[in-house]
């Protein structure tokens, strides 16, 4: 467990994981909305 905390759960890895989860949630929650700026010219 100590090796896991020392080598895998570093601050950079936790920050990267948090950023990845945030981007994934943003894509999931915004995927159902159609972008209105595409249809402005029609």
Protein backbone atom coordinates (compact mmCIF):
# COMPACT_ATOMS: atom_id res chain seq x y z
CA UNK A 1 0.00 0.00 0.00
CA UNK A 2 2.87 2.34 0.70
CA UNK A 3 4.33 1.73 -2.77
CA UNK A 4 0.92 2.51 -4.28
CA UNK A 5 0.67 5.83 -2.46
CA UNK A 6 4.22 6.79 -3.27
CA UNK A 7 4.30 6.00 -6.99
CA UNK A 8 0.74 6.04 -8.31
CA UNK A 9 -1.24 8.41 -6.12
CA UNK A 10 0.96 11.43 -6.65
CA UNK A 11 -0.39 14.94 -6.84
CA UNK A 12 0.06 15.14 -10.61
CA UNK A 13 -1.75 11.85 -11.21
CA UNK A 14 -4.66 12.84 -9.00
CA UNK A 15 -4.91 16.20 -10.77
CA UNK A 16 -4.88 14.48 -14.17
CA UNK A 17 -7.57 12.02 -13.05
CA UNK A 18 -9.75 14.83 -11.73
CA UNK A 19 -9.34 16.78 -14.97
CA UNK A 20 -10.24 13.71 -17.03
CA UNK A 21 -13.36 13.07 -14.95
CA UNK A 22 -14.41 16.71 -15.27
CA UNK A 23 -14.03 16.67 -19.06
CA UNK A 24 -15.91 13.37 -19.28
CA UNK A 25 -18.80 14.70 -17.21
CA UNK A 26 -18.88 17.89 -19.29
CA UNK A 27 -19.13 15.86 -22.50
CA UNK A 28 -21.85 13.60 -21.07
CA UNK A 29 -24.02 16.43 -19.77
CA UNK A 30 -23.65 18.64 -22.84
CA UNK A 31 -24.12 15.90 -25.46
CA UNK A 32 -27.91 15.98 -25.38
CA UNK A 33 -28.15 19.69 -26.24
CA UNK A 34 -27.97 20.73 -29.88
CA UNK A 35 -25.60 23.64 -30.45
CA UNK A 36 -27.74 26.59 -31.53
CA UNK A 37 -24.91 28.45 -33.25
CA UNK A 38 -24.89 25.86 -36.05
CA UNK A 39 -28.47 26.68 -37.04
CA UNK A 40 -28.22 30.47 -36.91
CA UNK A 41 -27.60 30.85 -40.66
CA UNK A 42 -30.70 28.89 -41.67
